[in-house]
Every structure is written in C-alpha cells, then in structure tokens.
C-alpha atoms as a PDB file:
ATOM      1  CA  UNK A   1      -9.050 -22.802  -4.787  1.00  0.00           C
ATOM      2  CA  UNK A   2     -11.683 -19.971  -4.902  1.00  0.00           C
ATOM      3  CA  UNK A   3      -9.940 -16.547  -4.649  1.00  0.00           C
ATOM      4  CA  UNK A   4     -10.384 -14.638  -1.528  1.00  0.00           C
ATOM      5  CA  UNK A   5     -10.723 -11.378  -3.779  1.00  0.00           C
ATOM      6  CA  UNK A   6     -11.697 -11.338  -7.366  1.00  0.00           C
ATOM      7  CA  UNK A   7     -12.251  -8.280  -9.731  1.00  0.00           C
ATOM      8  CA  UNK A   8     -13.141  -9.150 -13.301  1.00  0.00           C
ATOM      9  CA  UNK A   9     -13.365  -6.370 -15.746  1.00  0.00           C
ATOM     10  CA  UNK A  10     -14.637  -3.815 -13.247  1.00  0.00           C
ATOM     11  CA  UNK A  11     -15.762  -0.336 -14.563  1.00  0.00           C
ATOM     12  CA  UNK A  12     -17.106   2.352 -12.480  1.00  0.00           C
ATOM     13  CA  UNK A  13     -17.859   5.833 -14.104  1.00  0.00           C
ATOM     14  CA  UNK A  14     -19.406   8.612 -11.913  1.00  0.00           C
ATOM     15  CA  UNK A  15     -22.144  10.973 -13.378  1.00  0.00           C
ATOM     16  CA  UNK A  16     -20.855  13.909 -15.332  1.00  0.00           C
ATOM     17  CA  UNK A  17     -17.080  12.618 -15.427  1.00  0.00           C
ATOM     18  CA  UNK A  18     -15.606  11.948 -18.969  1.00  0.00           C
ATOM     19  CA  UNK A  19     -13.549   9.091 -17.791  1.00  0.00           C
ATOM     20  CA  UNK A  20     -13.922   5.954 -15.994  1.00  0.00           C
ATOM     21  CA  UNK A  21     -12.671   6.006 -12.299  1.00  0.00           C
ATOM     22  CA  UNK A  22     -12.182   2.277 -12.553  1.00  0.00           C
ATOM     23  CA  UNK A  23     -11.392   1.172 -16.321  1.00  0.00           C
ATOM     24  CA  UNK A  24     -11.705  -2.554 -17.018  1.00  0.00           C
ATOM     25  CA  UNK A  25      -9.725  -3.804 -13.834  1.00  0.00           C
ATOM     26  CA  UNK A  26      -8.872  -7.488 -13.457  1.00  0.00           C
ATOM     27  CA  UNK A  27      -6.972  -9.071 -10.418  1.00  0.00           C
ATOM     28  CA  UNK A  28      -7.231 -11.900  -7.812  1.00  0.00           C
ATOM     29  CA  UNK A  29      -6.114 -12.112  -4.145  1.00  0.00           C
ATOM     30  CA  UNK A  30      -5.703 -15.626  -2.917  1.00  0.00           C
ATOM     31  CA  UNK A  31      -6.585 -16.939   0.504  1.00  0.00           C
ATOM     32  CA  UNK A  32      -4.217 -16.046   3.300  1.00  0.00           C
ATOM     33  CA  UNK A  33      -2.495 -13.368   1.191  1.00  0.00           C
ATOM     34  CA  UNK A  34      -1.545  -9.986   2.407  1.00  0.00           C
ATOM     35  CA  UNK A  35      -2.214  -8.093  -1.070  1.00  0.00           C
ATOM     36  CA  UNK A  36      -1.306  -4.316  -1.404  1.00  0.00           C
ATOM     37  CA  UNK A  37      -3.329  -2.189  -3.708  1.00  0.00           C
ATOM     38  CA  UNK A  38      -1.208   0.842  -4.394  1.00  0.00           C
ATOM     39  CA  UNK A  39      -1.848   4.042  -6.802  1.00  0.00           C
ATOM     40  CA  UNK A  40      -1.460   7.711  -6.517  1.00  0.00           C
ATOM     41  CA  UNK A  41      -4.544   9.818  -5.317  1.00  0.00           C
ATOM     42  CA  UNK A  42      -7.580   9.522  -8.135  1.00  0.00           C
ATOM     43  CA  UNK A  43      -6.080   6.256  -9.353  1.00  0.00           C
ATOM     44  CA  UNK A  44      -9.059   4.340  -8.639  1.00  0.00           C
ATOM     45  CA  UNK A  45      -8.113   2.379  -5.848  1.00  0.00           C
ATOM     46  CA  UNK A  46     -10.504   3.824  -3.141  1.00  0.00           C
ATOM     47  CA  UNK A  47     -13.401   3.251  -5.877  1.00  0.00           C
ATOM     48  CA  UNK A  48     -12.324  -0.264  -6.226  1.00  0.00           C
ATOM     49  CA  UNK A  49     -12.332  -1.096  -2.494  1.00  0.00           C
ATOM     50  CA  UNK A  50     -15.760   0.722  -2.365  1.00  0.00           C
ATOM     51  CA  UNK A  51     -17.162  -1.677  -4.893  1.00  0.00           C
ATOM     52  CA  UNK A  52     -15.569  -4.802  -3.053  1.00  0.00           C
ATOM     53  CA  UNK A  53     -17.104  -3.420   0.336  1.00  0.00           C
ATOM     54  CA  UNK A  54     -20.466  -2.546  -1.292  1.00  0.00           C
ATOM     55  CA  UNK A  55     -20.095   1.089  -0.696  1.00  0.00           C
ATOM     56  CA  UNK A  56     -20.045   1.750  -4.482  1.00  0.00           C
ATOM     57  CA  UNK A  57     -22.254   0.541  -6.932  1.00  0.00           C
ATOM     58  CA  UNK A  58     -20.293  -0.736 -10.095  1.00  0.00           C
ATOM     59  CA  UNK A  59     -21.238   0.230 -13.703  1.00  0.00           C
ATOM     60  CA  UNK A  60     -20.200  -3.167 -14.924  1.00  0.00           C
ATOM     61  CA  UNK A  61     -17.922  -6.097 -14.454  1.00  0.00           C
ATOM     62  CA  UNK A  62     -17.677  -8.393 -11.693  1.00  0.00           C
ATOM     63  CA  UNK A  63     -16.437  -8.381  -8.040  1.00  0.00           C
ATOM     64  CA  UNK A  64     -16.429 -11.017  -5.419  1.00  0.00           C
ATOM     65  CA  UNK A  65     -15.123 -11.483  -1.821  1.00  0.00           C
ATOM     66  CA  UNK A  66     -14.875 -14.890  -0.099  1.00  0.00           C
ATOM     67  CA  UNK A  67     -16.636 -16.622  -3.299  1.00  0.00           C
ATOM     68  CA  UNK A  68     -19.725 -14.196  -2.864  1.00  0.00           C
ATOM     69  CA  UNK A  69     -20.747 -11.783  -5.473  1.00  0.00           C
ATOM     70  CA  UNK A  70     -20.573  -8.483  -3.645  1.00  0.00           C
ATOM     71  CA  UNK A  71     -22.571  -6.816  -6.626  1.00  0.00           C
ATOM     72  CA  UNK A  72     -25.381  -8.989  -6.778  1.00  0.00           C
ATOM     73  CA  UNK A  73     -25.453  -9.921  -2.896  1.00  0.00           C
ATOM     74  CA  UNK A  74     -24.015  -7.295  -0.928  1.00  0.00           C
ATOM     75  CA  UNK A  75     -25.609  -8.400   2.400  1.00  0.00           C
ATOM     76  CA  UNK A  76     -24.227 -11.947   2.099  1.00  0.00           C
ATOM     77  CA  UNK A  77     -20.856 -10.274   1.176  1.00  0.00           C
ATOM     78  CA  UNK A  78     -20.775  -8.260   4.510  1.00  0.00           C
ATOM     79  CA  UNK A  79     -20.797 -11.227   6.575  1.00  0.00           C
ATOM     80  CA  UNK A  80     -17.319 -12.396   5.253  1.00  0.00           C
ATOM     81  CA  UNK A  81     -15.310  -9.309   5.184  1.00  0.00           C
ATOM     82  CA  UNK A  82     -14.488  -6.352   7.567  1.00  0.00           C
ATOM     83  CA  UNK A  83     -13.189  -2.905   6.978  1.00  0.00           C
ATOM     84  CA  UNK A  84     -10.857  -0.678   8.942  1.00  0.00           C
ATOM     85  CA  UNK A  85     -10.669   2.906   7.661  1.00  0.00           C
ATOM     86  CA  UNK A  86      -8.002   5.471   7.872  1.00  0.00           C
ATOM     87  CA  UNK A  87     -10.300   7.704  10.331  1.00  0.00           C
ATOM     88  CA  UNK A  88     -11.700   6.432  13.421  1.00  0.00           C
ATOM     89  CA  UNK A  89     -15.174   5.547  13.274  1.00  0.00           C
ATOM     90  CA  UNK A  90     -15.178   4.135  16.815  1.00  0.00           C
ATOM     91  CA  UNK A  91     -18.080   5.159  19.095  1.00  0.00           C
ATOM     92  CA  UNK A  92     -16.546   7.393  21.339  1.00  0.00           C
ATOM     93  CA  UNK A  93     -19.388   7.344  23.903  1.00  0.00           C
ATOM     94  CA  UNK A  94     -18.878   3.643  24.792  1.00  0.00           C
ATOM     95  CA  UNK A  95     -15.561   1.880  26.135  1.00  0.00           C
ATOM     96  CA  UNK A  96     -13.449  -0.193  23.888  1.00  0.00           C
ATOM     97  CA  UNK A  97     -14.783  -3.291  25.615  1.00  0.00           C
ATOM     98  CA  UNK A  98     -18.401  -1.995  24.638  1.00  0.00           C
ATOM     99  CA  UNK A  99     -17.422  -1.137  21.364  1.00  0.00           C
ATOM    100  CA  UNK A 100     -16.290  -4.913  20.535  1.00  0.00           C
ATOM    101  CA  UNK A 101     -19.401  -6.163  22.109  1.00  0.00           C
ATOM    102  CA  UNK A 102     -21.443  -3.941  20.203  1.00  0.00           C
ATOM    103  CA  UNK A 103     -19.928  -4.629  16.865  1.00  0.00           C
ATOM    104  CA  UNK A 104     -20.200  -8.592  17.709  1.00  0.00           C
ATOM    105  CA  UNK A 105     -23.762  -8.107  18.373  1.00  0.00           C
ATOM    106  CA  UNK A 106     -24.452  -6.380  15.013  1.00  0.00           C
ATOM    107  CA  UNK A 107     -22.987  -9.344  13.391  1.00  0.00           C
ATOM    108  CA  UNK A 108     -24.873 -11.815  15.182  1.00  0.00           C
ATOM    109  CA  UNK A 109     -22.310 -13.250  17.680  1.00  0.00           C
ATOM    110  CA  UNK A 110     -24.126 -15.035  20.343  1.00  0.00           C
ATOM    111  CA  UNK A 111     -24.367 -13.070  23.843  1.00  0.00           C
ATOM    112  CA  UNK A 112     -22.461 -15.941  25.416  1.00  0.00           C
ATOM    113  CA  UNK A 113     -19.354 -15.439  23.103  1.00  0.00           C
ATOM    114  CA  UNK A 114     -19.022 -11.583  23.030  1.00  0.00           C
ATOM    115  CA  UNK A 115     -17.430 -10.691  26.192  1.00  0.00           C
ATOM    116  CA  UNK A 116     -14.862 -13.694  26.056  1.00  0.00           C
ATOM    117  CA  UNK A 117     -14.037 -12.865  22.377  1.00  0.00           C
ATOM    118  CA  UNK A 118     -13.838  -9.178  23.254  1.00  0.00           C
ATOM    119  CA  UNK A 119     -11.390 -10.067  26.059  1.00  0.00           C
ATOM    120  CA  UNK A 120      -9.042 -12.152  23.861  1.00  0.00           C
ATOM    121  CA  UNK A 121      -9.127  -9.532  21.048  1.00  0.00           C
ATOM    122  CA  UNK A 122      -8.206  -6.655  23.727  1.00  0.00           C
ATOM    123  CA  UNK A 123      -5.280  -8.763  24.919  1.00  0.00           C
ATOM    124  CA  UNK A 124      -4.083  -9.674  21.630  1.00  0.00           C
ATOM    125  CA  UNK A 125      -3.950  -6.079  20.523  1.00  0.00           C
ATOM    126  CA  UNK A 126      -2.360  -4.873  23.819  1.00  0.00           C
ATOM    127  CA  UNK A 127      -5.448  -2.918  25.090  1.00  0.00           C
ATOM    128  CA  UNK A 128      -6.764  -5.488  27.867  1.00  0.00           C
ATOM    129  CA  UNK A 129      -5.511  -2.944  30.875  1.00  0.00           C
ATOM    130  CA  UNK A 130      -7.367   0.122  29.099  1.00  0.00           C
ATOM    131  CA  UNK A 131     -10.425  -1.914  27.982  1.00  0.00           C
ATOM    132  CA  UNK A 132     -13.041  -0.017  30.257  1.00  0.00           C
ATOM    133  CA  UNK A 133     -12.249   3.593  29.807  1.00  0.00           C
ATOM    134  CA  UNK A 134     -13.660   6.206  27.508  1.00  0.00           C
ATOM    135  CA  UNK A 135     -12.371   5.728  23.817  1.00  0.00           C
ATOM    136  CA  UNK A 136     -11.542   9.390  23.987  1.00  0.00           C
ATOM    137  CA  UNK A 137      -8.780   8.525  26.309  1.00  0.00           C
ATOM    138  CA  UNK A 138      -7.054   6.444  23.714  1.00  0.00           C
ATOM    139  CA  UNK A 139      -4.243   7.632  21.537  1.00  0.00           C
ATOM    140  CA  UNK A 140      -4.247   7.462  17.731  1.00  0.00           C
ATOM    141  CA  UNK A 141      -2.306   4.256  17.809  1.00  0.00           C
ATOM    142  CA  UNK A 142      -4.506   2.743  20.396  1.00  0.00           C
ATOM    143  CA  UNK A 143      -7.545   3.677  18.199  1.00  0.00           C
ATOM    144  CA  UNK A 144      -5.998   1.984  15.312  1.00  0.00           C
ATOM    145  CA  UNK A 145      -5.637  -1.169  17.223  1.00  0.00           C
ATOM    146  CA  UNK A 146      -9.056  -1.131  18.657  1.00  0.00           C
ATOM    147  CA  UNK A 147     -10.248  -0.669  15.101  1.00  0.00           C
ATOM    148  CA  UNK A 148      -8.602  -3.737  13.887  1.00  0.00           C
ATOM    149  CA  UNK A 149      -9.742  -5.848  17.069  1.00  0.00           C
ATOM    150  CA  UNK A 150     -13.274  -4.698  16.499  1.00  0.00           C
ATOM    151  CA  UNK A 151     -13.047  -5.736  12.823  1.00  0.00           C
ATOM    152  CA  UNK A 152     -12.076  -9.223  13.843  1.00  0.00           C
ATOM    153  CA  UNK A 153     -14.995  -9.862  16.378  1.00  0.00           C
ATOM    154  CA  UNK A 154     -17.223 -11.541  13.626  1.00  0.00           C
ATOM    155  CA  UNK A 155     -14.216 -13.566  12.299  1.00  0.00           C
ATOM    156  CA  UNK A 156     -14.402 -12.148   8.733  1.00  0.00           C
ATOM    157  CA  UNK A 157     -12.405 -14.141   5.977  1.00  0.00           C
ATOM    158  CA  UNK A 158     -10.976 -10.903   4.396  1.00  0.00           C
ATOM    159  CA  UNK A 159      -9.947  -7.780   6.167  1.00  0.00           C
ATOM    160  CA  UNK A 160      -9.697  -4.559   4.183  1.00  0.00           C
ATOM    161  CA  UNK A 161      -7.211  -1.701   5.833  1.00  0.00           C
ATOM    162  CA  UNK A 162      -7.019   1.807   4.760  1.00  0.00           C
ATOM    163  CA  UNK A 163      -3.642   3.435   5.475  1.00  0.00           C
ATOM    164  CA  UNK A 164      -3.327   1.368   8.815  1.00  0.00           C
ATOM    165  CA  UNK A 165      -0.388   2.949  10.330  1.00  0.00           C
ATOM    166  CA  UNK A 166      -0.641   6.488   9.371  1.00  0.00           C
ATOM    167  CA  UNK A 167       0.675   8.763  11.921  1.00  0.00           C
ATOM    168  CA  UNK A 168       1.721   6.128  14.253  1.00  0.00           C
ATOM    169  CA  UNK A 169       5.180   6.057  16.014  1.00  0.00           C
ATOM    170  CA  UNK A 170       7.743   3.211  15.017  1.00  0.00           C
ATOM    171  CA  UNK A 171       6.944   1.101  17.679  1.00  0.00           C
ATOM    172  CA  UNK A 172       3.199   1.161  17.262  1.00  0.00           C
ATOM    173  CA  UNK A 173       3.573   0.639  13.490  1.00  0.00           C
ATOM    174  CA  UNK A 174       5.710  -2.377  14.193  1.00  0.00           C
ATOM    175  CA  UNK A 175       3.192  -3.774  16.572  1.00  0.00           C
ATOM    176  CA  UNK A 176       0.551  -3.296  13.825  1.00  0.00           C
ATOM    177  CA  UNK A 177       2.722  -5.024  11.316  1.00  0.00           C
ATOM    178  CA  UNK A 178       3.135  -8.146  13.774  1.00  0.00           C
ATOM    179  CA  UNK A 179      -0.558  -8.290  14.459  1.00  0.00           C
ATOM    180  CA  UNK A 180      -1.453  -8.297  10.607  1.00  0.00           C
ATOM    181  CA  UNK A 181       1.061 -11.058   9.962  1.00  0.00           C
ATOM    182  CA  UNK A 182      -0.459 -13.027  13.034  1.00  0.00           C
ATOM    183  CA  UNK A 183      -4.103 -12.493  11.273  1.00  0.00           C
ATOM    184  CA  UNK A 184      -2.639 -13.915   7.910  1.00  0.00           C
ATOM    185  CA  UNK A 185      -1.122 -16.684   9.963  1.00  0.00           C
ATOM    186  CA  UNK A 186      -4.549 -17.765  10.916  1.00  0.00           C
ATOM    187  CA  UNK A 187      -5.939 -17.534   7.348  1.00  0.00           C
ATOM    188  CA  UNK A 188      -7.200 -14.135   7.071  1.00  0.00           C
ATOM    189  CA  UNK A 189      -6.853 -12.598   3.745  1.00  0.00           C
ATOM    190  CA  UNK A 190      -5.760  -8.982   4.192  1.00  0.00           C
ATOM    191  CA  UNK A 191      -6.044  -6.364   1.596  1.00  0.00           C
ATOM    192  CA  UNK A 192      -4.101  -3.221   2.389  1.00  0.00           C
ATOM    193  CA  UNK A 193      -4.168   0.139   0.735  1.00  0.00           C
ATOM    194  CA  UNK A 194      -1.324   2.651   1.729  1.00  0.00           C
ATOM    195  CA  UNK A 195       0.918   5.417   0.110  1.00  0.00           C
ATOM    196  CA  UNK A 196       3.940   4.006   2.520  1.00  0.00           C
ATOM    197  CA  UNK A 197       6.028   2.197   0.072  1.00  0.00           C
ATOM    198  CA  UNK A 198       8.120   0.960   2.691  1.00  0.00           C
ATOM    199  CA  UNK A 199       5.116  -0.485   4.385  1.00  0.00           C
ATOM    200  CA  UNK A 200       4.010  -2.265   1.426  1.00  0.00           C
ATOM    201  CA  UNK A 201       7.278  -3.626   0.524  1.00  0.00           C
ATOM    202  CA  UNK A 202       7.525  -4.849   4.018  1.00  0.00           C
ATOM    203  CA  UNK A 203       3.937  -6.376   4.668  1.00  0.00           C
ATOM    204  CA  UNK A 204       2.496  -7.212   1.131  1.00  0.00           C
ATOM    205  CA  UNK A 205       3.024 -10.726  -0.430  1.00  0.00           C
ATOM    206  CA  UNK A 206       1.978  -9.168  -3.738  1.00  0.00           C
ATOM    207  CA  UNK A 207       1.171  -5.779  -4.762  1.00  0.00           C
ATOM    208  CA  UNK A 208      -1.018  -4.409  -7.356  1.00  0.00           C
ATOM    209  CA  UNK A 209      -0.119  -0.815  -8.952  1.00  0.00           C
ATOM    210  CA  UNK A 210      -2.953   0.909 -10.524  1.00  0.00           C
ATOM    211  CA  UNK A 211      -3.494   4.337 -12.305  1.00  0.00           C
ATOM    212  CA  UNK A 212      -6.274   6.088 -14.278  1.00  0.00           C
ATOM    213  CA  UNK A 213      -8.431   3.065 -13.388  1.00  0.00           C
ATOM    214  CA  UNK A 214      -5.986   0.072 -14.828  1.00  0.00           C
ATOM    215  CA  UNK A 215      -3.707  -2.302 -13.521  1.00  0.00           C
ATOM    216  CA  UNK A 216      -0.269  -1.333 -14.337  1.00  0.00           C
ATOM    217  CA  UNK A 217       1.606  -4.065 -12.598  1.00  0.00           C
ATOM    218  CA  UNK A 218       1.109  -7.003 -10.241  1.00  0.00           C
ATOM    219  CA  UNK A 219       3.776  -9.064  -8.591  1.00  0.00           C
ATOM    220  CA  UNK A 220       5.617  -9.549  -5.493  1.00  0.00           C
ATOM    221  CA  UNK A 221       7.598  -6.400  -4.259  1.00  0.00           C
ATOM    222  CA  UNK A 222      10.885  -8.105  -4.865  1.00  0.00           C
ATOM    223  CA  UNK A 223      10.037  -9.163  -8.320  1.00  0.00           C
ATOM    224  CA  UNK A 224       8.801  -5.784  -9.128  1.00  0.00           C
ATOM    225  CA  UNK A 225      11.997  -3.953  -8.075  1.00  0.00           C
ATOM    226  CA  UNK A 226      14.052  -6.547  -9.801  1.00  0.00           C
ATOM    227  CA  UNK A 227      12.209  -5.839 -13.266  1.00  0.00           C
ATOM    228  CA  UNK A 228      13.381  -2.115 -12.763  1.00  0.00           C
ATOM    229  CA  UNK A 229      16.492  -2.410 -14.807  1.00  0.00           C
ATOM    230  CA  UNK A 230      17.885  -4.778 -12.393  1.00  0.00           C
ATOM    231  CA  UNK A 231      18.052  -3.675  -8.548  1.00  0.00           C
ATOM    232  CA  UNK A 232      21.292  -1.612  -8.258  1.00  0.00           C
ATOM    233  CA  UNK A 233      20.903   2.255  -8.351  1.00  0.00           C
ATOM    234  CA  UNK A 234      23.676   4.995  -7.801  1.00  0.00           C
ATOM    235  CA  UNK A 235      22.423   8.460  -6.773  1.00  0.00           C
ATOM    236  CA  UNK A 236      24.827  11.388  -7.628  1.00  0.00           C
ATOM    237  CA  UNK A 237      24.346  14.746  -6.331  1.00  0.00           C
ATOM    238  CA  UNK A 238      25.813  17.003  -8.908  1.00  0.00           C
ATOM    239  CA  UNK A 239      26.242  20.623  -9.756  1.00  0.00           C
ATOM    240  CA  UNK A 240      26.605  20.856 -13.532  1.00  0.00           C
ATOM    241  CA  UNK A 241      29.199  23.550 -15.141  1.00  0.00           C
ATOM    242  CA  UNK A 242      27.737  26.638 -16.374  1.00  0.00           C
ATOM    243  CA  UNK A 243      25.818  26.120 -19.563  1.00  0.00           C
ATOM    244  CA  UNK A 244      25.519  22.614 -18.608  1.00  0.00           C
ATOM    245  CA  UNK A 245      22.550  20.787 -17.108  1.00  0.00           C
ATOM    246  CA  UNK A 246      21.512  17.471 -15.426  1.00  0.00           C
ATOM    247  CA  UNK A 247      19.673  16.433 -18.403  1.00  0.00           C
ATOM    248  CA  UNK A 248      22.723  16.475 -20.632  1.00  0.00           C
ATOM    249  CA  UNK A 249      24.696  14.912 -17.945  1.00  0.00           C
ATOM    250  CA  UNK A 250      22.260  11.857 -17.900  1.00  0.00           C
ATOM    251  CA  UNK A 251      22.795  11.445 -21.838  1.00  0.00           C
ATOM    252  CA  UNK A 252      26.554  11.226 -21.232  1.00  0.00           C
ATOM    253  CA  UNK A 253      26.198   8.922 -18.409  1.00  0.00           C
ATOM    254  CA  UNK A 254      24.116   6.724 -20.689  1.00  0.00           C
ATOM    255  CA  UNK A 255      27.366   5.839 -22.470  1.00  0.00           C
ATOM    256  CA  UNK A 256      29.009   4.139 -19.222  1.00  0.00           C
ATOM    257  CA  UNK A 257      28.846   0.303 -19.216  1.00  0.00           C
ATOM    258  CA  UNK A 258      26.309  -1.034 -16.756  1.00  0.00           C
ATOM    259  CA  UNK A 259      24.023   2.006 -16.886  1.00  0.00           C
ATOM    260  CA  UNK A 260      20.584   0.884 -18.103  1.00  0.00           C
ATOM    261  CA  UNK A 261      19.210   4.286 -17.933  1.00  0.00           C
ATOM    262  CA  UNK A 262      19.309   7.504 -15.927  1.00  0.00           C
ATOM    263  CA  UNK A 263      16.686  10.181 -14.445  1.00  0.00           C
ATOM    264  CA  UNK A 264      16.760  13.372 -12.694  1.00  0.00           C
ATOM    265  CA  UNK A 265      15.051  13.095  -9.243  1.00  0.00           C
ATOM    266  CA  UNK A 266      15.850  16.649  -7.861  1.00  0.00           C
ATOM    267  CA  UNK A 267      15.681  18.914 -10.892  1.00  0.00           C
ATOM    268  CA  UNK A 268      17.526  22.561 -10.404  1.00  0.00           C
ATOM    269  CA  UNK A 269      20.823  24.086 -10.909  1.00  0.00           C
ATOM    270  CA  UNK A 270      22.171  21.662  -8.414  1.00  0.00           C
ATOM    271  CA  UNK A 271      20.489  18.594  -9.099  1.00  0.00           C
ATOM    272  CA  UNK A 272      20.360  14.718  -8.092  1.00  0.00           C
ATOM    273  CA  UNK A 273      20.985  11.999 -10.900  1.00  0.00           C
ATOM    274  CA  UNK A 274      19.840   8.493 -10.086  1.00  0.00           C
ATOM    275  CA  UNK A 275      21.221   5.801 -12.358  1.00  0.00           C
ATOM    276  CA  UNK A 276      19.591   2.274 -12.834  1.00  0.00           C
ATOM    277  CA  UNK A 277      22.098  -0.495 -13.423  1.00  0.00           C
ATOM    278  CA  UNK A 278      22.606  -3.865 -14.604  1.00  0.00           C
ATOM    279  CA  UNK A 279      26.000  -4.162 -12.460  1.00  0.00           C
ATOM    280  CA  UNK A 280      27.217  -3.575  -8.947  1.00  0.00           C
ATOM    281  CA  UNK A 281      27.077   0.387  -8.187  1.00  0.00           C
ATOM    282  CA  UNK A 282      30.999   0.156  -7.479  1.00  0.00           C
ATOM    283  CA  UNK A 283      31.681  -1.139 -11.066  1.00  0.00           C
ATOM    284  CA  UNK A 284      30.092   2.221 -12.307  1.00  0.00           C
ATOM    285  CA  UNK A 285      31.010   4.877  -9.702  1.00  0.00           C
ATOM    286  CA  UNK A 286      34.340   5.283 -11.204  1.00  0.00           C
ATOM    287  CA  UNK A 287      33.683   5.578 -14.867  1.00  0.00           C
ATOM    288  CA  UNK A 288      30.611   8.145 -13.917  1.00  0.00           C
ATOM    289  CA  UNK A 289      32.785  10.406 -12.065  1.00  0.00           C
ATOM    290  CA  UNK A 290      35.302  10.376 -14.796  1.00  0.00           C
ATOM    291  CA  UNK A 291      32.579  11.449 -17.263  1.00  0.00           C
ATOM    292  CA  UNK A 292      31.077  14.189 -14.926  1.00  0.00           C
ATOM    293  CA  UNK A 293      34.708  15.453 -14.295  1.00  0.00           C
ATOM    294  CA  UNK A 294      35.177  15.786 -17.902  1.00  0.00           C
ATOM    295  CA  UNK A 295      32.215  17.930 -18.154  1.00  0.00           C
ATOM    296  CA  UNK A 296      33.589  19.991 -15.137  1.00  0.00           C
ATOM    297  CA  UNK A 297      30.438  18.928 -13.179  1.00  0.00           C
ATOM    298  CA  UNK A 298      31.132  18.771  -9.469  1.00  0.00           C
ATOM    299  CA  UNK A 299      29.918  15.655  -7.208  1.00  0.00           C
ATOM    300  CA  UNK A 300      28.898  16.702  -4.051  1.00  0.00           C
ATOM    301  CA  UNK A 301      27.309  13.422  -2.522  1.00  0.00           C
ATOM    302  CA  UNK A 302      27.229   9.863  -3.790  1.00  0.00           C
ATOM    303  CA  UNK A 303      24.988   6.935  -2.395  1.00  0.00           C
ATOM    304  CA  UNK A 304      24.950   3.425  -3.730  1.00  0.00           C
ATOM    305  CA  UNK A 305      21.942   1.045  -3.184  1.00  0.00           C
ATOM    306  CA  UNK A 306      19.219  -1.006  -4.501  1.00  0.00           C
ATOM    307  CA  UNK A 307      15.766   0.043  -6.367  1.00  0.00           C
ATOM    308  CA  UNK A 308      12.845  -0.003  -3.966  1.00  0.00           C
ATOM    309  CA  UNK A 309       9.251  -0.221  -4.369  1.00  0.00           C
ATOM    310  CA  UNK A 310       8.996   3.418  -4.394  1.00  0.00           C
ATOM    311  CA  UNK A 311      10.992   3.719  -7.312  1.00  0.00           C
ATOM    312  CA  UNK A 312       8.922   1.035  -9.235  1.00  0.00           C
ATOM    313  CA  UNK A 313       5.841   3.208  -8.157  1.00  0.00           C
ATOM    314  CA  UNK A 314       7.226   6.496  -9.503  1.00  0.00           C
ATOM    315  CA  UNK A 315       8.346   4.599 -12.541  1.00  0.00           C
ATOM    316  CA  UNK A 316       4.857   3.751 -13.541  1.00  0.00           C
ATOM    317  CA  UNK A 317       2.917   6.421 -12.198  1.00  0.00           C
ATOM    318  CA  UNK A 318       5.103   9.276 -12.828  1.00  0.00           C
ATOM    319  CA  UNK A 319       6.555  12.218 -10.493  1.00  0.00           C
ATOM    320  CA  UNK A 320       3.849  14.708 -11.067  1.00  0.00           C
ATOM    321  CA  UNK A 321       1.529  15.842  -8.351  1.00  0.00           C
ATOM    322  CA  UNK A 322      -1.965  14.607  -8.231  1.00  0.00           C
END
C-alpha cells in the first residue's frame, strides 16, 4: 500500500545558516493514521511540514503526499491535502457558510454540490445554527472547528493540523478530538503537530520526535513510554541536608533495587527527584525513604505514577529552553 505521506533523506538548508534545518529526515505515515510530529521549537518539524505542503522548497531528498511527489508536482499534490494552521486565516468578511462554499469553489467542487456539502460539514462540526453570521462573531474554538470543516470541503486524503486545540477549553478540545477521530474512521490521514504531549498521546497512533532536523524516535506513544526505563516513576520532593544536594541524593538512590536511573526535575535547595523504575513504585518507596533519611534529607511530597510521553520527549530533547 502506498504511504499517505513519505519523506526520504529530506534536507533543507536556509541561506546563511551553518546547519541544516532538516537533516536527512526519513519517515512514512500510513493511510488512515493519525501521526504526531513532535519536536522543540526550531527542531525542523515546521520546515518538514512546509515541504510536504509545498510552502518550502527542499534542498534535497524526496517528499510525497498521497503518492504525489510534492517537490516535483506541487500543484498535483495540493489536490490531495489540506492544511489547518494554528492561527485563523478565515475570510472574516464572509459568513461561515460562504467561507466553505468559496473554498470548495477554489478546489473545483461543482456548484450543485457546494451548498449541500457546506451544510453537512457545518452540522458535523456543530456550527449549523451559526452558519450565516459573520465569522468575527465566532469564538476561538468555533473558528478552529470552522477551519477544519473548510479544509474537508474538497475531501482531501491527508489533513495537516498545526496545534489544533491551543487555547481551547476542555469541552471544545474533546469535541475536536472526536471529530479528528471521525475523520480517521473515514480513511483520512491526519498529520498533527503539537506541543501538547497529552494531546499527542491521546490522539496519535504513532509519533515521530525530531530535533536538530533529525528523527530521534518513532513508535506508538505507549511503546515509547515503555522503553523509557519501564513505565513506572516515583517523584520525590526533597529538601537535602546542609552540605548535600539533589545530585548526590540521586547517586545514592541509584543503589536502590529497581531504580533504573534518576534525574532532578526541579533543581534548587528544595528540589524534586524523579526515579525511573523497573518495578512497581511501592516496592521502591520504602528503601528510597530509608536512603534519604540516612542522609538527613526531608521528603515533603511523594507521587507514584507512570512515565508519560512528555517524559520521553524531555529525555530525548533535553530540558533546556529553545
């Protein structure tokens, strides 16, 4: 089966830059998949999406969408994908219904089909009752729903979503997630870029994590978290004794059975230590407290849980600000 999206040895270097924005990136997205492309600011994900959506010219390599080489045939590629940006680009002089009809006309949807298709999309996205007001009246969540409805008017095979739920309230976010899953059930491939790790873990069938233009990891969210020293974690809020610090405490805790490794997640005089475990947290808690008490450290809070996709992301890309 032809991949819905394919990137092979993709390179993009901007003029007057010393390093490649995208540096030999290779991955595929299967038809009907929700794929999350994740990375810190400046990692190369936006440039990669720019190449796939024909807004950025690649330096070398190959990129295709729905089997169309978008580097050699950008016009042909545009027939098969749609893009929903983070910031609204709706025509605010038109009504929502007119926005959809205009988009459909641009993509060659026959006049006889436009109004019926627009009404169906407005109903699906919960906007039919507000279909004929000015777009300026819409809230941020309504505008985001309208942009996805507009994107689907020409029935693209691949939908690129950039931060689709940023700034939305919990109800609107859940509604958006349900609509995206509905699109997948109809065979639409969704490529999602987001900084919300909970969203990626909830929505994506697979995620690719990129940094410095290179692919660091690609798998299901569950498998990526499983690889991170098992799934169990133990968080300890600790105040070290005078003359001690969290780094030394982490070294001491490394001798506790079941501790794979530890890290300081809130450096300072009173810090927070996260232990990645190969056993259940309850089996480690007692011995860990014994070690800390033996060093006169004060434990002020304990949390037992599992590693998250955010833990994987930080483990691969670091904690430094970009």
